[in-house]
Amino acid sequence: MANLHIISHPLVQHKISLLRDKNTGTKEFRELVSEIAMFICYEATRDLPLKEIEIETPVAVAKTKVISGRKLAFVPILRAGLGMVDGVTALVPAAKIGHMGIFRQPDTKEAVKYYSKMPDDIAERDVIIVDPMLATGHSAVAAIDEIKKLGVKHIKFMCIICSPEGVEKVGEAHPDVDIYTGVMDQGLNEDKFIVPGVGDAGDRIFGTK
């Protein structure tokens, strides 16, 4: 089993419940994905190192702390991962954004990469890959494979809902990658959708069918 972190905060759980509702419209769904991504990102960045500096306040000089050294990049898996970008960059506005295009073959469900565009200094950054659903794990593993080929040493995977099958797949292929999620669901149906899940997250984010 992978290094799995389930964010059980009441606000995360409440918002995931709203996300699941089939009557939740595109605008609200998109806003919920962004908000949940922000909460999960808060926990995924908990281990960022700090250094002490001195700042002059209106009252006195304060010894206080700022993030030290480690630069971040977020890599959404297209297209649904784009729905999480606003939320995570609201927390870490200095982070750079890469893009990874991966689709699943309709018959085999295997992941096929069709696009990759990364910051020039990606190898010097910690990378958090974002995708709302971790279902079969094929896309996640393919994305992590690609990021590691670029020389990245520290990678995390962030999603909103995962399946046991997806977590196991990532854990077997990349035991060094921590997974941050809001909830683990029952499993996958015959069409490889997470049950109960939210349906097709990309369609619901962008209002497509």
N, C-alpha and C. Protein backbone atom coordinates (compact mmCIF):
# COMPACT_ATOMS: atom_id res chain seq x y z
N MET A 1 0.84 -1.21 0.00
CA MET A 1 0.00 0.00 0.00
C MET A 1 0.88 1.25 0.00
N ALA A 2 0.48 2.23 -0.78
CA ALA A 2 1.24 3.48 -0.88
C ALA A 2 1.17 4.26 0.43
N ASN A 3 2.00 5.29 0.52
CA ASN A 3 1.95 6.20 1.66
C ASN A 3 0.73 7.10 1.48
N LEU A 4 -0.38 6.69 2.08
CA LEU A 4 -1.67 7.34 1.84
C LEU A 4 -2.03 8.25 3.01
N HIS A 5 -2.41 9.49 2.67
CA HIS A 5 -2.84 10.46 3.67
C HIS A 5 -4.27 10.88 3.33
N ILE A 6 -5.23 10.50 4.16
CA ILE A 6 -6.62 10.88 3.95
C ILE A 6 -6.93 12.10 4.81
N ILE A 7 -7.35 13.18 4.17
CA ILE A 7 -7.59 14.44 4.87
C ILE A 7 -9.03 14.42 5.40
N SER A 8 -9.17 14.16 6.68
CA SER A 8 -10.49 13.93 7.27
C SER A 8 -11.13 15.20 7.84
N HIS A 9 -10.56 16.35 7.53
CA HIS A 9 -11.10 17.61 8.05
C HIS A 9 -12.59 17.73 7.71
N PRO A 10 -13.41 18.18 8.66
CA PRO A 10 -14.86 18.26 8.41
C PRO A 10 -15.24 19.07 7.17
N LEU A 11 -14.52 20.16 6.89
CA LEU A 11 -14.86 20.96 5.71
C LEU A 11 -14.58 20.19 4.42
N VAL A 12 -13.50 19.42 4.40
CA VAL A 12 -13.20 18.59 3.23
C VAL A 12 -14.30 17.56 3.02
N GLN A 13 -14.68 16.87 4.09
CA GLN A 13 -15.70 15.83 3.98
C GLN A 13 -17.05 16.42 3.57
N HIS A 14 -17.40 17.57 4.11
CA HIS A 14 -18.66 18.23 3.77
C HIS A 14 -18.68 18.60 2.29
N LYS A 15 -17.59 19.18 1.81
CA LYS A 15 -17.56 19.63 0.42
C LYS A 15 -17.53 18.46 -0.56
N ILE A 16 -16.90 17.35 -0.17
CA ILE A 16 -16.92 16.16 -1.02
C ILE A 16 -18.34 15.62 -1.15
N SER A 17 -19.11 15.70 -0.07
CA SER A 17 -20.52 15.27 -0.13
C SER A 17 -21.30 16.09 -1.14
N LEU A 18 -21.07 17.41 -1.14
CA LEU A 18 -21.74 18.28 -2.11
C LEU A 18 -21.27 17.95 -3.53
N LEU A 19 -19.99 17.62 -3.66
CA LEU A 19 -19.41 17.28 -4.96
C LEU A 19 -20.07 16.03 -5.55
N ARG A 20 -20.40 15.08 -4.68
CA ARG A 20 -20.97 13.81 -5.15
C ARG A 20 -22.38 13.97 -5.74
N ASP A 21 -23.13 14.95 -5.23
CA ASP A 21 -24.53 15.09 -5.59
C ASP A 21 -24.70 15.30 -7.10
N LYS A 22 -25.49 14.43 -7.73
CA LYS A 22 -25.67 14.53 -9.18
C LYS A 22 -26.37 15.81 -9.59
N ASN A 23 -27.03 16.49 -8.63
CA ASN A 23 -27.72 17.74 -8.93
C ASN A 23 -26.83 18.98 -8.79
N THR A 24 -25.59 18.78 -8.35
CA THR A 24 -24.66 19.90 -8.26
C THR A 24 -24.27 20.35 -9.66
N GLY A 25 -24.50 21.61 -9.98
CA GLY A 25 -24.24 22.13 -11.31
C GLY A 25 -22.77 22.40 -11.57
N THR A 26 -22.46 22.74 -12.82
CA THR A 26 -21.07 22.92 -13.25
C THR A 26 -20.36 24.00 -12.45
N LYS A 27 -20.99 25.15 -12.27
CA LYS A 27 -20.34 26.26 -11.56
C LYS A 27 -19.99 25.86 -10.13
N GLU A 28 -20.94 25.29 -9.42
CA GLU A 28 -20.69 24.90 -8.04
C GLU A 28 -19.69 23.76 -7.96
N PHE A 29 -19.79 22.81 -8.89
CA PHE A 29 -18.86 21.68 -8.91
C PHE A 29 -17.43 22.19 -9.07
N ARG A 30 -17.24 23.11 -10.01
CA ARG A 30 -15.91 23.67 -10.28
C ARG A 30 -15.37 24.40 -9.05
N GLU A 31 -16.23 25.15 -8.38
CA GLU A 31 -15.81 25.88 -7.18
C GLU A 31 -15.45 24.91 -6.05
N LEU A 32 -16.22 23.85 -5.90
CA LEU A 32 -15.94 22.86 -4.86
C LEU A 32 -14.61 22.15 -5.09
N VAL A 33 -14.33 21.79 -6.35
CA VAL A 33 -13.07 21.13 -6.67
C VAL A 33 -11.90 22.04 -6.29
N SER A 34 -12.01 23.32 -6.62
CA SER A 34 -10.95 24.27 -6.30
C SER A 34 -10.77 24.43 -4.79
N GLU A 35 -11.89 24.52 -4.07
CA GLU A 35 -11.83 24.69 -2.61
C GLU A 35 -11.24 23.46 -1.93
N ILE A 36 -11.68 22.27 -2.35
CA ILE A 36 -11.16 21.04 -1.75
C ILE A 36 -9.67 20.89 -2.04
N ALA A 37 -9.27 21.25 -3.26
CA ALA A 37 -7.85 21.19 -3.62
C ALA A 37 -7.02 22.07 -2.70
N MET A 38 -7.55 23.24 -2.34
CA MET A 38 -6.82 24.14 -1.45
C MET A 38 -6.62 23.51 -0.08
N PHE A 39 -7.68 22.90 0.45
CA PHE A 39 -7.58 22.26 1.77
C PHE A 39 -6.59 21.10 1.77
N ILE A 40 -6.64 20.27 0.72
CA ILE A 40 -5.74 19.11 0.67
C ILE A 40 -4.30 19.57 0.46
N CYS A 41 -4.12 20.63 -0.34
CA CYS A 41 -2.79 21.18 -0.57
C CYS A 41 -2.18 21.70 0.73
N TYR A 42 -3.02 22.26 1.58
CA TYR A 42 -2.57 22.75 2.88
C TYR A 42 -1.86 21.64 3.65
N GLU A 43 -2.44 20.43 3.62
CA GLU A 43 -1.84 19.30 4.31
C GLU A 43 -0.64 18.73 3.54
N ALA A 44 -0.71 18.74 2.22
CA ALA A 44 0.37 18.17 1.41
C ALA A 44 1.65 18.99 1.51
N THR A 45 1.53 20.27 1.89
CA THR A 45 2.71 21.14 2.01
C THR A 45 3.14 21.33 3.47
N ARG A 46 2.60 20.53 4.36
CA ARG A 46 2.89 20.67 5.78
C ARG A 46 4.36 20.47 6.11
N ASP A 47 5.07 19.70 5.28
CA ASP A 47 6.47 19.39 5.58
C ASP A 47 7.47 20.34 4.92
N LEU A 48 6.99 21.44 4.34
CA LEU A 48 7.92 22.41 3.75
C LEU A 48 8.85 22.95 4.83
N PRO A 49 10.15 23.02 4.56
CA PRO A 49 11.09 23.50 5.58
C PRO A 49 10.99 25.01 5.78
N LEU A 50 11.30 25.45 7.00
CA LEU A 50 11.26 26.86 7.34
C LEU A 50 12.65 27.35 7.76
N LYS A 51 12.86 28.65 7.61
CA LYS A 51 14.06 29.28 8.17
C LYS A 51 13.63 30.52 8.95
N GLU A 52 14.45 30.89 9.92
CA GLU A 52 14.13 32.03 10.76
C GLU A 52 14.74 33.31 10.18
N ILE A 53 13.94 34.36 10.13
CA ILE A 53 14.42 35.67 9.69
C ILE A 53 13.96 36.73 10.69
N GLU A 54 14.49 37.92 10.53
CA GLU A 54 14.05 39.04 11.37
C GLU A 54 13.25 40.02 10.52
N ILE A 55 12.10 40.42 11.04
CA ILE A 55 11.24 41.40 10.37
C ILE A 55 10.90 42.49 11.36
N GLU A 56 10.96 43.74 10.88
CA GLU A 56 10.62 44.86 11.74
C GLU A 56 9.13 45.13 11.64
N THR A 57 8.42 44.95 12.74
CA THR A 57 6.99 45.27 12.79
C THR A 57 6.83 46.73 13.22
N PRO A 58 5.63 47.27 13.22
CA PRO A 58 5.44 48.64 13.73
C PRO A 58 5.80 48.79 15.21
N VAL A 59 5.95 47.65 15.91
CA VAL A 59 6.19 47.70 17.35
C VAL A 59 7.62 47.33 17.72
N ALA A 60 8.17 46.29 17.07
CA ALA A 60 9.50 45.80 17.45
C ALA A 60 10.04 44.91 16.34
N VAL A 61 11.26 44.42 16.53
CA VAL A 61 11.84 43.45 15.60
C VAL A 61 11.39 42.05 16.02
N ALA A 62 10.85 41.31 15.07
CA ALA A 62 10.35 39.96 15.36
C ALA A 62 11.23 38.92 14.68
N LYS A 63 11.55 37.86 15.41
CA LYS A 63 12.15 36.69 14.80
C LYS A 63 11.02 35.78 14.36
N THR A 64 10.94 35.56 13.07
CA THR A 64 9.80 34.82 12.53
C THR A 64 10.27 33.90 11.41
N LYS A 65 9.38 33.11 10.86
CA LYS A 65 9.78 32.06 9.93
C LYS A 65 9.15 32.22 8.55
N VAL A 66 9.93 31.85 7.53
CA VAL A 66 9.46 31.82 6.15
C VAL A 66 9.88 30.50 5.53
N ILE A 67 9.24 30.13 4.43
CA ILE A 67 9.59 28.89 3.73
C ILE A 67 11.01 29.01 3.19
N SER A 68 11.76 27.94 3.37
CA SER A 68 13.18 27.96 3.04
C SER A 68 13.50 27.06 1.85
N GLY A 69 14.01 27.66 0.81
CA GLY A 69 14.70 26.90 -0.22
C GLY A 69 13.84 26.13 -1.20
N ARG A 70 12.99 25.23 -0.74
CA ARG A 70 12.31 24.30 -1.63
C ARG A 70 11.33 25.04 -2.53
N LYS A 71 11.51 24.88 -3.83
CA LYS A 71 10.60 25.47 -4.81
C LYS A 71 9.62 24.41 -5.29
N LEU A 72 8.39 24.82 -5.54
CA LEU A 72 7.33 23.88 -5.90
C LEU A 72 6.89 24.04 -7.34
N ALA A 73 6.40 22.96 -7.90
CA ALA A 73 5.67 22.98 -9.17
C ALA A 73 4.46 22.07 -9.03
N PHE A 74 3.34 22.52 -9.57
CA PHE A 74 2.15 21.68 -9.65
C PHE A 74 1.99 21.20 -11.09
N VAL A 75 1.63 19.94 -11.25
CA VAL A 75 1.43 19.36 -12.58
C VAL A 75 0.05 18.74 -12.64
N PRO A 76 -0.93 19.45 -13.21
CA PRO A 76 -2.25 18.84 -13.40
C PRO A 76 -2.23 17.83 -14.54
N ILE A 77 -2.92 16.72 -14.35
CA ILE A 77 -3.14 15.78 -15.44
C ILE A 77 -4.37 16.27 -16.19
N LEU A 78 -4.19 16.56 -17.48
CA LEU A 78 -5.28 17.12 -18.28
C LEU A 78 -6.36 16.05 -18.52
N ARG A 79 -7.63 16.46 -18.55
CA ARG A 79 -8.00 17.86 -18.38
C ARG A 79 -8.56 18.15 -16.99
N ALA A 80 -9.03 17.11 -16.31
CA ALA A 80 -9.71 17.34 -15.03
C ALA A 80 -8.80 17.98 -13.99
N GLY A 81 -7.50 17.68 -14.05
CA GLY A 81 -6.56 18.26 -13.09
C GLY A 81 -6.52 19.78 -13.12
N LEU A 82 -6.89 20.36 -14.26
CA LEU A 82 -6.92 21.82 -14.36
C LEU A 82 -7.88 22.43 -13.35
N GLY A 83 -8.92 21.69 -12.98
CA GLY A 83 -9.89 22.20 -12.03
C GLY A 83 -9.32 22.42 -10.64
N MET A 84 -8.15 21.84 -10.34
CA MET A 84 -7.54 21.97 -9.02
C MET A 84 -6.48 23.07 -8.97
N VAL A 85 -6.11 23.61 -10.13
CA VAL A 85 -4.97 24.52 -10.19
C VAL A 85 -5.22 25.83 -9.45
N ASP A 86 -6.39 26.43 -9.63
CA ASP A 86 -6.67 27.71 -8.95
C ASP A 86 -6.58 27.55 -7.43
N GLY A 87 -7.07 26.44 -6.91
CA GLY A 87 -7.05 26.22 -5.47
C GLY A 87 -5.64 26.09 -4.92
N VAL A 88 -4.79 25.32 -5.60
CA VAL A 88 -3.44 25.10 -5.08
C VAL A 88 -2.56 26.33 -5.26
N THR A 89 -2.75 27.06 -6.36
CA THR A 89 -1.92 28.25 -6.56
C THR A 89 -2.38 29.42 -5.69
N ALA A 90 -3.60 29.37 -5.19
CA ALA A 90 -4.03 30.37 -4.22
C ALA A 90 -3.19 30.26 -2.95
N LEU A 91 -2.79 29.03 -2.61
CA LEU A 91 -1.95 28.80 -1.43
C LEU A 91 -0.48 29.06 -1.73
N VAL A 92 -0.03 28.67 -2.92
CA VAL A 92 1.39 28.79 -3.27
C VAL A 92 1.50 29.54 -4.60
N PRO A 93 1.30 30.86 -4.58
CA PRO A 93 1.26 31.62 -5.83
C PRO A 93 2.58 31.64 -6.60
N ALA A 94 3.70 31.38 -5.92
CA ALA A 94 4.99 31.40 -6.60
C ALA A 94 5.30 30.09 -7.32
N ALA A 95 4.47 29.08 -7.12
CA ALA A 95 4.73 27.78 -7.77
C ALA A 95 4.58 27.91 -9.28
N LYS A 96 5.36 27.12 -10.00
CA LYS A 96 5.22 27.03 -11.45
C LYS A 96 4.27 25.88 -11.78
N ILE A 97 3.72 25.92 -12.99
CA ILE A 97 2.72 24.93 -13.41
C ILE A 97 3.21 24.20 -14.65
N GLY A 98 3.29 22.87 -14.56
CA GLY A 98 3.50 22.05 -15.75
C GLY A 98 2.17 21.47 -16.19
N HIS A 99 2.14 20.86 -17.36
CA HIS A 99 0.91 20.23 -17.84
C HIS A 99 1.23 18.87 -18.42
N MET A 100 0.40 17.88 -18.06
CA MET A 100 0.59 16.52 -18.54
C MET A 100 -0.73 16.03 -19.14
N GLY A 101 -0.70 15.75 -20.43
CA GLY A 101 -1.89 15.24 -21.11
C GLY A 101 -1.83 13.72 -21.22
N ILE A 102 -2.80 13.05 -20.60
CA ILE A 102 -2.86 11.59 -20.62
C ILE A 102 -4.32 11.17 -20.85
N PHE A 103 -4.52 10.21 -21.74
CA PHE A 103 -5.88 9.68 -21.90
C PHE A 103 -5.85 8.17 -21.75
N ARG A 104 -7.02 7.62 -21.42
CA ARG A 104 -7.15 6.17 -21.26
C ARG A 104 -7.68 5.54 -22.54
N GLN A 105 -7.00 4.51 -23.01
CA GLN A 105 -7.51 3.76 -24.16
C GLN A 105 -8.88 3.19 -23.81
N PRO A 106 -9.90 3.43 -24.66
CA PRO A 106 -11.26 2.97 -24.34
C PRO A 106 -11.36 1.46 -24.10
N ASP A 107 -10.56 0.69 -24.82
CA ASP A 107 -10.69 -0.77 -24.70
C ASP A 107 -9.83 -1.34 -23.57
N THR A 108 -8.56 -0.95 -23.51
CA THR A 108 -7.65 -1.52 -22.51
C THR A 108 -7.59 -0.72 -21.22
N LYS A 109 -8.05 0.55 -21.26
CA LYS A 109 -7.97 1.48 -20.12
C LYS A 109 -6.52 1.85 -19.76
N GLU A 110 -5.58 1.50 -20.64
CA GLU A 110 -4.18 1.86 -20.40
C GLU A 110 -3.97 3.35 -20.67
N ALA A 111 -2.98 3.93 -19.96
CA ALA A 111 -2.72 5.36 -20.08
C ALA A 111 -1.79 5.64 -21.26
N VAL A 112 -2.14 6.66 -22.03
CA VAL A 112 -1.32 7.09 -23.17
C VAL A 112 -1.02 8.58 -23.02
N LYS A 113 0.26 8.94 -22.99
CA LYS A 113 0.63 10.35 -22.88
C LYS A 113 0.58 11.00 -24.26
N TYR A 114 -0.10 12.15 -24.34
CA TYR A 114 -0.16 12.86 -25.62
C TYR A 114 0.41 14.27 -25.54
N TYR A 115 0.71 14.74 -24.32
CA TYR A 115 1.23 16.10 -24.19
C TYR A 115 2.00 16.24 -22.88
N SER A 116 3.11 16.97 -22.93
CA SER A 116 3.87 17.28 -21.72
C SER A 116 4.60 18.60 -21.92
N LYS A 117 4.35 19.54 -21.03
CA LYS A 117 5.03 20.83 -21.06
C LYS A 117 5.36 21.22 -19.63
N MET A 118 6.65 21.27 -19.32
CA MET A 118 7.09 21.49 -17.95
C MET A 118 7.95 22.75 -17.85
N PRO A 119 8.03 23.35 -16.66
CA PRO A 119 8.97 24.45 -16.44
C PRO A 119 10.40 23.99 -16.72
N ASP A 120 11.25 24.91 -17.19
CA ASP A 120 12.63 24.56 -17.53
C ASP A 120 13.39 24.01 -16.34
N ASP A 121 13.07 24.51 -15.14
CA ASP A 121 13.82 24.09 -13.95
C ASP A 121 13.07 23.03 -13.13
N ILE A 122 12.26 22.22 -13.80
CA ILE A 122 11.42 21.25 -13.09
C ILE A 122 12.25 20.31 -12.23
N ALA A 123 13.46 19.94 -12.67
CA ALA A 123 14.29 18.99 -11.92
C ALA A 123 14.73 19.56 -10.58
N GLU A 124 14.70 20.88 -10.44
CA GLU A 124 15.12 21.53 -9.19
C GLU A 124 13.95 21.76 -8.24
N ARG A 125 12.77 21.33 -8.62
CA ARG A 125 11.57 21.62 -7.84
C ARG A 125 10.97 20.35 -7.24
N ASP A 126 10.27 20.53 -6.12
CA ASP A 126 9.38 19.48 -5.62
C ASP A 126 8.11 19.56 -6.46
N VAL A 127 7.58 18.41 -6.86
CA VAL A 127 6.42 18.39 -7.75
C VAL A 127 5.23 17.73 -7.05
N ILE A 128 4.09 18.39 -7.16
CA ILE A 128 2.83 17.79 -6.72
C ILE A 128 1.94 17.61 -7.95
N ILE A 129 1.67 16.36 -8.30
CA ILE A 129 0.79 16.05 -9.43
C ILE A 129 -0.64 16.09 -8.92
N VAL A 130 -1.54 16.74 -9.67
CA VAL A 130 -2.92 16.86 -9.22
C VAL A 130 -3.89 16.32 -10.26
N ASP A 131 -4.88 15.57 -9.77
CA ASP A 131 -5.94 15.00 -10.59
C ASP A 131 -7.09 14.67 -9.63
N PRO A 132 -8.31 15.11 -9.90
CA PRO A 132 -9.39 14.88 -8.92
C PRO A 132 -9.62 13.42 -8.57
N MET A 133 -9.49 12.52 -9.55
CA MET A 133 -9.79 11.11 -9.32
C MET A 133 -8.54 10.25 -9.50
N LEU A 134 -8.30 9.37 -8.54
CA LEU A 134 -7.29 8.32 -8.70
C LEU A 134 -8.07 7.01 -8.81
N ALA A 135 -8.32 6.59 -10.05
CA ALA A 135 -9.20 5.43 -10.29
C ALA A 135 -8.36 4.17 -10.50
N THR A 136 -8.00 3.86 -11.74
CA THR A 136 -7.19 2.66 -11.99
C THR A 136 -5.75 2.86 -11.56
N GLY A 137 -5.31 4.10 -11.55
CA GLY A 137 -3.92 4.41 -11.22
C GLY A 137 -3.00 4.47 -12.43
N HIS A 138 -3.51 4.09 -13.61
CA HIS A 138 -2.67 4.07 -14.81
C HIS A 138 -2.15 5.47 -15.16
N SER A 139 -3.05 6.46 -15.15
CA SER A 139 -2.64 7.82 -15.50
C SER A 139 -1.65 8.38 -14.47
N ALA A 140 -1.92 8.11 -13.20
CA ALA A 140 -1.03 8.60 -12.14
C ALA A 140 0.37 8.01 -12.29
N VAL A 141 0.44 6.70 -12.51
CA VAL A 141 1.74 6.05 -12.67
C VAL A 141 2.47 6.58 -13.90
N ALA A 142 1.75 6.77 -15.00
CA ALA A 142 2.37 7.30 -16.22
C ALA A 142 2.90 8.71 -15.99
N ALA A 143 2.14 9.54 -15.27
CA ALA A 143 2.58 10.90 -14.99
C ALA A 143 3.82 10.90 -14.09
N ILE A 144 3.80 10.06 -13.06
CA ILE A 144 4.96 9.98 -12.16
C ILE A 144 6.19 9.47 -12.92
N ASP A 145 6.00 8.46 -13.78
CA ASP A 145 7.10 7.96 -14.62
C ASP A 145 7.75 9.11 -15.39
N GLU A 146 6.91 9.90 -16.02
CA GLU A 146 7.40 11.00 -16.86
C GLU A 146 8.14 12.04 -16.03
N ILE A 147 7.59 12.40 -14.86
CA ILE A 147 8.22 13.41 -14.02
C ILE A 147 9.57 12.91 -13.50
N LYS A 148 9.65 11.64 -13.15
CA LYS A 148 10.92 11.10 -12.68
C LYS A 148 11.97 11.09 -13.79
N LYS A 149 11.55 10.85 -15.03
CA LYS A 149 12.49 10.88 -16.15
C LYS A 149 13.14 12.25 -16.32
N LEU A 150 12.45 13.29 -15.85
CA LEU A 150 12.96 14.66 -15.95
C LEU A 150 13.90 15.01 -14.80
N GLY A 151 14.14 14.06 -13.93
CA GLY A 151 15.11 14.28 -12.87
C GLY A 151 14.55 14.76 -11.55
N VAL A 152 13.22 14.77 -11.42
CA VAL A 152 12.60 15.24 -10.18
C VAL A 152 12.78 14.19 -9.10
N LYS A 153 13.19 14.64 -7.91
CA LYS A 153 13.49 13.72 -6.81
C LYS A 153 12.34 13.60 -5.79
N HIS A 154 11.57 14.66 -5.65
CA HIS A 154 10.51 14.67 -4.63
C HIS A 154 9.16 14.89 -5.30
N ILE A 155 8.30 13.87 -5.26
CA ILE A 155 7.01 13.91 -5.95
C ILE A 155 5.92 13.49 -4.97
N LYS A 156 4.80 14.22 -5.01
CA LYS A 156 3.58 13.83 -4.30
C LYS A 156 2.44 13.78 -5.30
N PHE A 157 1.42 12.99 -4.98
CA PHE A 157 0.22 12.92 -5.83
C PHE A 157 -0.97 13.36 -5.00
N MET A 158 -1.74 14.27 -5.54
CA MET A 158 -2.87 14.84 -4.81
C MET A 158 -4.15 14.64 -5.61
N CYS A 159 -5.16 14.05 -4.95
CA CYS A 159 -6.46 13.85 -5.58
C CYS A 159 -7.55 14.14 -4.56
N ILE A 160 -8.79 14.12 -5.01
CA ILE A 160 -9.92 14.36 -4.11
C ILE A 160 -10.54 13.04 -3.67
N ILE A 161 -10.69 12.11 -4.60
CA ILE A 161 -11.24 10.78 -4.31
C ILE A 161 -10.33 9.73 -4.94
N CYS A 162 -10.07 8.66 -4.20
CA CYS A 162 -9.26 7.58 -4.74
C CYS A 162 -9.97 6.25 -4.56
N SER A 163 -9.50 5.25 -5.29
CA SER A 163 -9.98 3.88 -5.14
C SER A 163 -8.86 3.04 -4.54
N PRO A 164 -9.20 1.93 -3.87
CA PRO A 164 -8.15 1.04 -3.37
C PRO A 164 -7.26 0.52 -4.50
N GLU A 165 -7.86 0.25 -5.66
CA GLU A 165 -7.09 -0.26 -6.80
C GLU A 165 -6.05 0.76 -7.27
N GLY A 166 -6.45 2.04 -7.33
CA GLY A 166 -5.53 3.08 -7.77
C GLY A 166 -4.39 3.29 -6.79
N VAL A 167 -4.73 3.29 -5.51
CA VAL A 167 -3.70 3.45 -4.47
C VAL A 167 -2.70 2.31 -4.53
N GLU A 168 -3.21 1.09 -4.71
CA GLU A 168 -2.32 -0.07 -4.78
C GLU A 168 -1.41 0.01 -6.01
N LYS A 169 -1.97 0.44 -7.13
CA LYS A 169 -1.20 0.54 -8.37
C LYS A 169 -0.05 1.54 -8.21
N VAL A 170 -0.35 2.71 -7.66
CA VAL A 170 0.70 3.72 -7.46
C VAL A 170 1.72 3.23 -6.44
N GLY A 171 1.24 2.60 -5.38
CA GLY A 171 2.14 2.11 -4.34
C GLY A 171 3.11 1.06 -4.85
N GLU A 172 2.64 0.19 -5.74
CA GLU A 172 3.51 -0.84 -6.29
C GLU A 172 4.56 -0.23 -7.23
N ALA A 173 4.14 0.72 -8.05
CA ALA A 173 5.05 1.30 -9.04
C ALA A 173 5.98 2.35 -8.44
N HIS A 174 5.45 3.11 -7.47
CA HIS A 174 6.21 4.24 -6.91
C HIS A 174 6.00 4.33 -5.40
N PRO A 175 6.61 3.42 -4.65
CA PRO A 175 6.41 3.43 -3.20
C PRO A 175 6.95 4.66 -2.50
N ASP A 176 7.77 5.45 -3.19
CA ASP A 176 8.33 6.67 -2.60
C ASP A 176 7.41 7.88 -2.75
N VAL A 177 6.29 7.73 -3.44
CA VAL A 177 5.38 8.86 -3.70
C VAL A 177 4.22 8.82 -2.72
N ASP A 178 4.06 9.89 -1.94
CA ASP A 178 2.94 10.01 -1.01
C ASP A 178 1.69 10.45 -1.76
N ILE A 179 0.54 9.88 -1.37
CA ILE A 179 -0.75 10.25 -1.96
C ILE A 179 -1.56 11.00 -0.92
N TYR A 180 -2.08 12.16 -1.31
CA TYR A 180 -2.95 12.96 -0.45
C TYR A 180 -4.34 12.99 -1.08
N THR A 181 -5.35 12.63 -0.30
CA THR A 181 -6.72 12.53 -0.84
C THR A 181 -7.74 12.91 0.22
N GLY A 182 -8.95 13.17 -0.24
CA GLY A 182 -10.02 13.49 0.69
C GLY A 182 -10.73 12.25 1.21
N VAL A 183 -10.81 11.20 0.38
CA VAL A 183 -11.54 10.00 0.78
C VAL A 183 -11.15 8.84 -0.13
N MET A 184 -11.19 7.63 0.41
CA MET A 184 -11.05 6.44 -0.40
C MET A 184 -12.42 5.78 -0.54
N ASP A 185 -12.85 5.55 -1.78
CA ASP A 185 -14.16 4.95 -2.04
C ASP A 185 -14.07 3.43 -2.10
N GLN A 186 -15.22 2.80 -2.45
CA GLN A 186 -15.34 1.35 -2.39
C GLN A 186 -14.44 0.64 -3.40
N GLY A 187 -14.41 1.17 -4.62
CA GLY A 187 -13.65 0.52 -5.67
C GLY A 187 -14.10 0.99 -7.03
N LEU A 188 -13.81 0.18 -8.06
CA LEU A 188 -14.13 0.52 -9.44
C LEU A 188 -15.24 -0.38 -9.98
N ASN A 189 -16.08 0.20 -10.87
CA ASN A 189 -17.07 -0.63 -11.55
C ASN A 189 -16.47 -1.21 -12.83
N GLU A 190 -17.27 -1.90 -13.62
CA GLU A 190 -16.74 -2.56 -14.82
C GLU A 190 -16.25 -1.56 -15.86
N ASP A 191 -16.73 -0.31 -15.77
CA ASP A 191 -16.25 0.74 -16.69
C ASP A 191 -15.06 1.50 -16.12
N LYS A 192 -14.55 1.04 -14.99
CA LYS A 192 -13.38 1.63 -14.32
C LYS A 192 -13.66 3.02 -13.77
N PHE A 193 -14.91 3.29 -13.42
CA PHE A 193 -15.27 4.50 -12.70
C PHE A 193 -15.28 4.20 -11.21
N ILE A 194 -14.88 5.19 -10.40
CA ILE A 194 -14.90 5.03 -8.95
C ILE A 194 -16.35 4.98 -8.47
N VAL A 195 -16.63 4.04 -7.57
CA VAL A 195 -17.96 3.87 -6.98
C VAL A 195 -17.87 4.17 -5.48
N PRO A 196 -18.72 5.06 -4.93
CA PRO A 196 -19.77 5.84 -5.61
C PRO A 196 -19.23 7.03 -6.41
N GLY A 197 -18.07 7.56 -6.05
CA GLY A 197 -17.43 8.60 -6.85
C GLY A 197 -18.26 9.83 -7.10
N VAL A 198 -17.97 10.48 -8.24
CA VAL A 198 -18.71 11.69 -8.65
C VAL A 198 -19.10 11.63 -10.12
N GLY A 199 -18.89 10.48 -10.76
CA GLY A 199 -19.07 10.41 -12.21
C GLY A 199 -17.79 10.85 -12.90
N ASP A 200 -17.91 11.42 -14.10
CA ASP A 200 -16.75 11.90 -14.85
C ASP A 200 -16.41 13.31 -14.38
N ALA A 201 -15.32 13.44 -13.62
CA ALA A 201 -14.98 14.73 -13.03
C ALA A 201 -14.70 15.78 -14.10
N GLY A 202 -14.03 15.40 -15.18
CA GLY A 202 -13.75 16.35 -16.25
C GLY A 202 -15.00 16.90 -16.88
N ASP A 203 -15.97 16.02 -17.17
CA ASP A 203 -17.23 16.47 -17.74
C ASP A 203 -17.96 17.41 -16.79
N ARG A 204 -17.92 17.10 -15.52
CA ARG A 204 -18.67 17.91 -14.54
C ARG A 204 -17.97 19.26 -14.29
N ILE A 205 -16.64 19.29 -14.37
CA ILE A 205 -15.91 20.55 -14.21
C ILE A 205 -16.16 21.48 -15.39
N PHE A 206 -16.13 20.92 -16.60
CA PHE A 206 -16.18 21.75 -17.80
C PHE A 206 -17.55 21.78 -18.48
N GLY A 207 -18.52 21.05 -17.92
CA GLY A 207 -19.87 21.11 -18.47
C GLY A 207 -20.03 20.38 -19.78
N THR A 208 -19.21 19.34 -20.01
CA THR A 208 -19.28 18.58 -21.25
C THR A 208 -19.89 17.21 -20.98
N LYS A 209 -20.22 16.51 -22.03
CA LYS A 209 -20.78 15.17 -21.89
C LYS A 209 -19.93 14.18 -22.65
